[in-house]
């Protein structure tokens, strides 16, 4: 089942743990805040990394939805 992730820009505080754990899924802006790559669709091979990044976000800014 495909999943999609989204970073809530109002919650992200720029800890960058998600980028460290799953660099294939996140990019950082000029302030160090994370954003999902592209439309946030997670390739099947990276689903575990997406959930790992979500569980390590201290601000709970990563939302994952199953489509």
PDB file of N, CA and C in Angstrom:
ATOM      1  N   UNK A   1       0.850  -1.180   0.000  1.00  0.00           N
ATOM      2  CA  UNK A   1       0.000   0.000   0.000  1.00  0.00           C
ATOM      3  C   UNK A   1       0.898   1.247   0.000  1.00  0.00           C
ATOM      4  N   UNK A   2       0.702   2.146  -0.959  1.00  0.00           N
ATOM      5  CA  UNK A   2       1.545   3.346  -1.009  1.00  0.00           C
ATOM      6  C   UNK A   2       1.274   4.281   0.165  1.00  0.00           C
ATOM      7  N   UNK A   3       2.330   4.923   0.621  1.00  0.00           N
ATOM      8  CA  UNK A   3       2.163   5.910   1.668  1.00  0.00           C
ATOM      9  C   UNK A   3       2.740   7.245   1.199  1.00  0.00           C
ATOM     10  N   UNK A   4       2.299   8.286   1.861  1.00  0.00           N
ATOM     11  CA  UNK A   4       2.762   9.636   1.544  1.00  0.00           C
ATOM     12  C   UNK A   4       3.076  10.333   2.862  1.00  0.00           C
ATOM     13  N   UNK A   5       4.145  11.104   2.871  1.00  0.00           N
ATOM     14  CA  UNK A   5       4.471  11.849   4.074  1.00  0.00           C
ATOM     15  C   UNK A   5       4.395  13.341   3.807  1.00  0.00           C
ATOM     16  N   UNK A   6       4.217  14.082   4.880  1.00  0.00           N
ATOM     17  CA  UNK A   6       4.146  15.538   4.813  1.00  0.00           C
ATOM     18  C   UNK A   6       4.760  16.094   6.083  1.00  0.00           C
ATOM     19  N   UNK A   7       5.560  17.135   5.922  1.00  0.00           N
ATOM     20  CA  UNK A   7       6.114  17.831   7.074  1.00  0.00           C
ATOM     21  C   UNK A   7       5.260  19.068   7.333  1.00  0.00           C
ATOM     22  N   UNK A   8       4.766  19.196   8.551  1.00  0.00           N
ATOM     23  CA  UNK A   8       3.974  20.367   8.927  1.00  0.00           C
ATOM     24  C   UNK A   8       4.942  21.523   9.188  1.00  0.00           C
ATOM     25  N   UNK A   9       4.933  22.542   8.323  1.00  0.00           N
ATOM     26  CA  UNK A   9       5.900  23.635   8.473  1.00  0.00           C
ATOM     27  C   UNK A   9       5.704  24.456   9.748  1.00  0.00           C
ATOM     28  N   UNK A  10       4.508  24.408  10.327  1.00  0.00           N
ATOM     29  CA  UNK A  10       4.266  25.143  11.562  1.00  0.00           C
ATOM     30  C   UNK A  10       4.855  24.437  12.786  1.00  0.00           C
ATOM     31  N   UNK A  11       5.079  23.131  12.662  1.00  0.00           N
ATOM     32  CA  UNK A  11       5.630  22.360  13.784  1.00  0.00           C
ATOM     33  C   UNK A  11       7.143  22.161  13.671  1.00  0.00           C
ATOM     34  N   UNK A  12       7.668  22.076  12.464  1.00  0.00           N
ATOM     35  CA  UNK A  12       9.097  21.794  12.271  1.00  0.00           C
ATOM     36  C   UNK A  12       9.946  22.904  12.880  1.00  0.00           C
ATOM     37  N   UNK A  13      10.921  22.499  13.692  1.00  0.00           N
ATOM     38  CA  UNK A  13      11.829  23.453  14.338  1.00  0.00           C
ATOM     39  C   UNK A  13      13.265  23.320  13.834  1.00  0.00           C
ATOM     40  N   UNK A  14      13.475  22.528  12.782  1.00  0.00           N
ATOM     41  CA  UNK A  14      14.794  22.436  12.170  1.00  0.00           C
ATOM     42  C   UNK A  14      15.792  21.545  12.886  1.00  0.00           C
ATOM     43  N   UNK A  15      15.328  20.521  13.592  1.00  0.00           N
ATOM     44  CA  UNK A  15      16.252  19.593  14.251  1.00  0.00           C
ATOM     45  C   UNK A  15      16.995  18.725  13.230  1.00  0.00           C
ATOM     46  N   UNK A  16      16.395  18.518  12.078  1.00  0.00           N
ATOM     47  CA  UNK A  16      16.988  17.783  10.948  1.00  0.00           C
ATOM     48  C   UNK A  16      17.226  16.301  11.211  1.00  0.00           C
ATOM     49  N   UNK A  17      16.581  15.735  12.205  1.00  0.00           N
ATOM     50  CA  UNK A  17      16.735  14.300  12.450  1.00  0.00           C
ATOM     51  C   UNK A  17      16.188  13.498  11.272  1.00  0.00           C
ATOM     52  N   UNK A  18      15.093  13.966  10.698  1.00  0.00           N
ATOM     53  CA  UNK A  18      14.495  13.249   9.568  1.00  0.00           C
ATOM     54  C   UNK A  18      15.470  13.194   8.384  1.00  0.00           C
ATOM     55  N   UNK A  19      16.118  14.292   8.101  1.00  0.00           N
ATOM     56  CA  UNK A  19      17.078  14.355   6.993  1.00  0.00           C
ATOM     57  C   UNK A  19      18.259  13.436   7.264  1.00  0.00           C
ATOM     58  N   UNK A  20      18.684  13.356   8.521  1.00  0.00           N
ATOM     59  CA  UNK A  20      19.793  12.469   8.884  1.00  0.00           C
ATOM     60  C   UNK A  20      19.408  11.000   8.732  1.00  0.00           C
ATOM     61  N   UNK A  21      18.171  10.663   9.095  1.00  0.00           N
ATOM     62  CA  UNK A  21      17.721   9.269   9.075  1.00  0.00           C
ATOM     63  C   UNK A  21      17.233   8.824   7.702  1.00  0.00           C
ATOM     64  N   UNK A  22      16.673   9.739   6.930  1.00  0.00           N
ATOM     65  CA  UNK A  22      16.093   9.380   5.628  1.00  0.00           C
ATOM     66  C   UNK A  22      16.363  10.498   4.612  1.00  0.00           C
ATOM     67  N   UNK A  23      17.622  10.680   4.231  1.00  0.00           N
ATOM     68  CA  UNK A  23      17.955  11.790   3.328  1.00  0.00           C
ATOM     69  C   UNK A  23      17.281  11.692   1.961  1.00  0.00           C
ATOM     70  N   UNK A  24      16.828  10.490   1.612  1.00  0.00           N
ATOM     71  CA  UNK A  24      16.155  10.299   0.328  1.00  0.00           C
ATOM     72  C   UNK A  24      14.733  10.875   0.326  1.00  0.00           C
ATOM     73  N   UNK A  25      14.188  11.166   1.505  1.00  0.00           N
ATOM     74  CA  UNK A  25      12.793  11.575   1.616  1.00  0.00           C
ATOM     75  C   UNK A  25      12.591  13.033   2.014  1.00  0.00           C
ATOM     76  N   UNK A  26      13.662  13.676   2.492  1.00  0.00           N
ATOM     77  CA  UNK A  26      13.526  15.039   3.006  1.00  0.00           C
ATOM     78  C   UNK A  26      14.584  15.960   2.425  1.00  0.00           C
ATOM     79  N   UNK A  27      14.219  17.236   2.326  1.00  0.00           N
ATOM     80  CA  UNK A  27      15.185  18.263   1.975  1.00  0.00           C
ATOM     81  C   UNK A  27      15.025  19.400   2.970  1.00  0.00           C
ATOM     82  N   UNK A  28      16.069  20.197   3.120  1.00  0.00           N
ATOM     83  CA  UNK A  28      16.052  21.300   4.067  1.00  0.00           C
ATOM     84  C   UNK A  28      16.020  22.618   3.320  1.00  0.00           C
ATOM     85  N   UNK A  29      15.284  23.585   3.877  1.00  0.00           N
ATOM     86  CA  UNK A  29      15.268  24.908   3.265  1.00  0.00           C
ATOM     87  C   UNK A  29      16.434  25.739   3.804  1.00  0.00           C
ATOM     88  N   UNK A  30      16.494  27.000   3.425  1.00  0.00           N
ATOM     89  CA  UNK A  30      17.618  27.845   3.827  1.00  0.00           C
ATOM     90  C   UNK A  30      17.675  28.102   5.330  1.00  0.00           C
ATOM     91  N   UNK A  31      16.595  27.801   6.045  1.00  0.00           N
ATOM     92  CA  UNK A  31      16.562  27.978   7.495  1.00  0.00           C
ATOM     93  C   UNK A  31      16.819  26.665   8.245  1.00  0.00           C
ATOM     94  N   UNK A  32      16.996  25.565   7.494  1.00  0.00           N
ATOM     95  CA  UNK A  32      17.229  24.264   8.109  1.00  0.00           C
ATOM     96  C   UNK A  32      15.973  23.495   8.436  1.00  0.00           C
ATOM     97  N   UNK A  33      14.816  24.016   8.006  1.00  0.00           N
ATOM     98  CA  UNK A  33      13.565  23.298   8.243  1.00  0.00           C
ATOM     99  C   UNK A  33      13.344  22.265   7.142  1.00  0.00           C
ATOM    100  N   UNK A  34      12.781  21.142   7.523  1.00  0.00           N
ATOM    101  CA  UNK A  34      12.591  20.032   6.591  1.00  0.00           C
ATOM    102  C   UNK A  34      11.314  20.172   5.774  1.00  0.00           C
ATOM    103  N   UNK A  35      11.375  19.617   4.578  1.00  0.00           N
ATOM    104  CA  UNK A  35      10.222  19.522   3.685  1.00  0.00           C
ATOM    105  C   UNK A  35      10.292  18.165   3.006  1.00  0.00           C
ATOM    106  N   UNK A  36       9.135  17.614   2.689  1.00  0.00           N
ATOM    107  CA  UNK A  36       9.114  16.344   1.972  1.00  0.00           C
ATOM    108  C   UNK A  36       9.630  16.558   0.544  1.00  0.00           C
ATOM    109  N   UNK A  37      10.261  15.531   0.005  1.00  0.00           N
ATOM    110  CA  UNK A  37      10.723  15.587  -1.383  1.00  0.00           C
ATOM    111  C   UNK A  37       9.526  15.397  -2.304  1.00  0.00           C
ATOM    112  N   UNK A  38       9.470  16.164  -3.353  1.00  0.00           N
ATOM    113  CA  UNK A  38       8.402  16.024  -4.343  1.00  0.00           C
ATOM    114  C   UNK A  38       7.028  16.134  -3.725  1.00  0.00           C
ATOM    115  N   UNK A  39       6.165  15.181  -4.076  1.00  0.00           N
ATOM    116  CA  UNK A  39       4.793  15.207  -3.547  1.00  0.00           C
ATOM    117  C   UNK A  39       4.657  14.388  -2.261  1.00  0.00           C
ATOM    118  N   UNK A  40       5.779  13.901  -1.744  1.00  0.00           N
ATOM    119  CA  UNK A  40       5.762  13.162  -0.489  1.00  0.00           C
ATOM    120  C   UNK A  40       5.527  11.678  -0.612  1.00  0.00           C
ATOM    121  N   UNK A  41       5.357  11.190  -1.840  1.00  0.00           N
ATOM    122  CA  UNK A  41       5.150   9.753  -2.030  1.00  0.00           C
ATOM    123  C   UNK A  41       6.419   9.007  -1.624  1.00  0.00           C
ATOM    124  N   UNK A  42       6.247   7.957  -0.832  1.00  0.00           N
ATOM    125  CA  UNK A  42       7.369   7.183  -0.319  1.00  0.00           C
ATOM    126  C   UNK A  42       7.504   5.884  -1.109  1.00  0.00           C
ATOM    127  N   UNK A  43       8.661   5.670  -1.752  1.00  0.00           N
ATOM    128  CA  UNK A  43       8.877   4.395  -2.438  1.00  0.00           C
ATOM    129  C   UNK A  43       8.801   3.239  -1.434  1.00  0.00           C
ATOM    130  N   UNK A  44       8.315   2.100  -1.896  1.00  0.00           N
ATOM    131  CA  UNK A  44       8.124   0.954  -1.002  1.00  0.00           C
ATOM    132  C   UNK A  44       9.396   0.597  -0.236  1.00  0.00           C
ATOM    133  N   UNK A  45      10.542   0.724  -0.877  1.00  0.00           N
ATOM    134  CA  UNK A  45      11.810   0.373  -0.243  1.00  0.00           C
ATOM    135  C   UNK A  45      12.182   1.324   0.901  1.00  0.00           C
ATOM    136  N   UNK A  46      11.531   2.473   0.974  1.00  0.00           N
ATOM    137  CA  UNK A  46      11.876   3.477   1.994  1.00  0.00           C
ATOM    138  C   UNK A  46      10.791   3.666   3.058  1.00  0.00           C
ATOM    139  N   UNK A  47       9.787   2.812   3.062  1.00  0.00           N
ATOM    140  CA  UNK A  47       8.681   2.946   4.020  1.00  0.00           C
ATOM    141  C   UNK A  47       9.194   2.866   5.460  1.00  0.00           C
ATOM    142  N   UNK A  48      10.081   1.918   5.743  1.00  0.00           N
ATOM    143  CA  UNK A  48      10.603   1.794   7.111  1.00  0.00           C
ATOM    144  C   UNK A  48      11.340   3.061   7.534  1.00  0.00           C
ATOM    145  N   UNK A  49      12.097   3.650   6.600  1.00  0.00           N
ATOM    146  CA  UNK A  49      12.819   4.895   6.911  1.00  0.00           C
ATOM    147  C   UNK A  49      11.846   6.043   7.181  1.00  0.00           C
ATOM    148  N   UNK A  50      10.736   6.076   6.466  1.00  0.00           N
ATOM    149  CA  UNK A  50       9.740   7.128   6.688  1.00  0.00           C
ATOM    150  C   UNK A  50       9.180   7.041   8.104  1.00  0.00           C
ATOM    151  N   UNK A  51       8.828   5.836   8.530  1.00  0.00           N
ATOM    152  CA  UNK A  51       8.291   5.667   9.882  1.00  0.00           C
ATOM    153  C   UNK A  51       9.357   5.920  10.950  1.00  0.00           C
ATOM    154  N   UNK A  52      10.615   5.572  10.654  1.00  0.00           N
ATOM    155  CA  UNK A  52      11.707   5.845  11.579  1.00  0.00           C
ATOM    156  C   UNK A  52      11.884   7.352  11.757  1.00  0.00           C
ATOM    157  N   UNK A  53      11.856   8.080  10.654  1.00  0.00           N
ATOM    158  CA  UNK A  53      11.984   9.538  10.719  1.00  0.00           C
ATOM    159  C   UNK A  53      10.823  10.135  11.510  1.00  0.00           C
ATOM    160  N   UNK A  54       9.613   9.647  11.247  1.00  0.00           N
ATOM    161  CA  UNK A  54       8.443  10.152  11.964  1.00  0.00           C
ATOM    162  C   UNK A  54       8.582   9.923  13.466  1.00  0.00           C
ATOM    163  N   UNK A  55       9.012   8.748  13.859  1.00  0.00           N
ATOM    164  CA  UNK A  55       9.096   8.432  15.285  1.00  0.00           C
ATOM    165  C   UNK A  55      10.237   9.175  15.984  1.00  0.00           C
ATOM    166  N   UNK A  56      11.188   9.700  15.219  1.00  0.00           N
ATOM    167  CA  UNK A  56      12.309  10.425  15.811  1.00  0.00           C
ATOM    168  C   UNK A  56      12.166  11.935  15.745  1.00  0.00           C
ATOM    169  N   UNK A  57      11.045  12.428  15.239  1.00  0.00           N
ATOM    170  CA  UNK A  57      10.834  13.868  15.151  1.00  0.00           C
ATOM    171  C   UNK A  57      10.382  14.393  16.515  1.00  0.00           C
ATOM    172  N   UNK A  58      11.200  15.239  17.157  1.00  0.00           N
ATOM    173  CA  UNK A  58      10.827  15.723  18.488  1.00  0.00           C
ATOM    174  C   UNK A  58       9.609  16.647  18.484  1.00  0.00           C
ATOM    175  N   UNK A  59       9.296  17.218  17.347  1.00  0.00           N
ATOM    176  CA  UNK A  59       8.159  18.139  17.252  1.00  0.00           C
ATOM    177  C   UNK A  59       6.896  17.471  16.704  1.00  0.00           C
ATOM    178  N   UNK A  60       6.976  16.165  16.385  1.00  0.00           N
ATOM    179  CA  UNK A  60       5.861  15.424  15.787  1.00  0.00           C
ATOM    180  C   UNK A  60       5.326  16.136  14.538  1.00  0.00           C
ATOM    181  N   UNK A  61       6.256  16.609  13.720  1.00  0.00           N
ATOM    182  CA  UNK A  61       5.888  17.402  12.534  1.00  0.00           C
ATOM    183  C   UNK A  61       5.677  16.564  11.281  1.00  0.00           C
ATOM    184  N   UNK A  62       5.976  15.273  11.338  1.00  0.00           N
ATOM    185  CA  UNK A  62       5.866  14.421  10.140  1.00  0.00           C
ATOM    186  C   UNK A  62       4.568  13.632  10.202  1.00  0.00           C
ATOM    187  N   UNK A  63       3.747  13.834   9.187  1.00  0.00           N
ATOM    188  CA  UNK A  63       2.482  13.111   9.076  1.00  0.00           C
ATOM    189  C   UNK A  63       2.615  12.079   7.965  1.00  0.00           C
ATOM    190  N   UNK A  64       2.147  10.876   8.217  1.00  0.00           N
ATOM    191  CA  UNK A  64       2.170   9.817   7.206  1.00  0.00           C
ATOM    192  C   UNK A  64       0.751   9.342   6.977  1.00  0.00           C
ATOM    193  N   UNK A  65       0.370   9.270   5.697  1.00  0.00           N
ATOM    194  CA  UNK A  65      -0.962   8.778   5.357  1.00  0.00           C
ATOM    195  C   UNK A  65      -0.841   7.630   4.379  1.00  0.00           C
ATOM    196  N   UNK A  66      -1.714   6.642   4.555  1.00  0.00           N
ATOM    197  CA  UNK A  66      -1.765   5.508   3.634  1.00  0.00           C
ATOM    198  C   UNK A  66      -2.825   5.817   2.586  1.00  0.00           C
ATOM    199  N   UNK A  67      -2.483   5.534   1.348  1.00  0.00           N
ATOM    200  CA  UNK A  67      -3.410   5.861   0.258  1.00  0.00           C
ATOM    201  C   UNK A  67      -4.050   4.622  -0.323  1.00  0.00           C
TER     202      UNK A  67
END
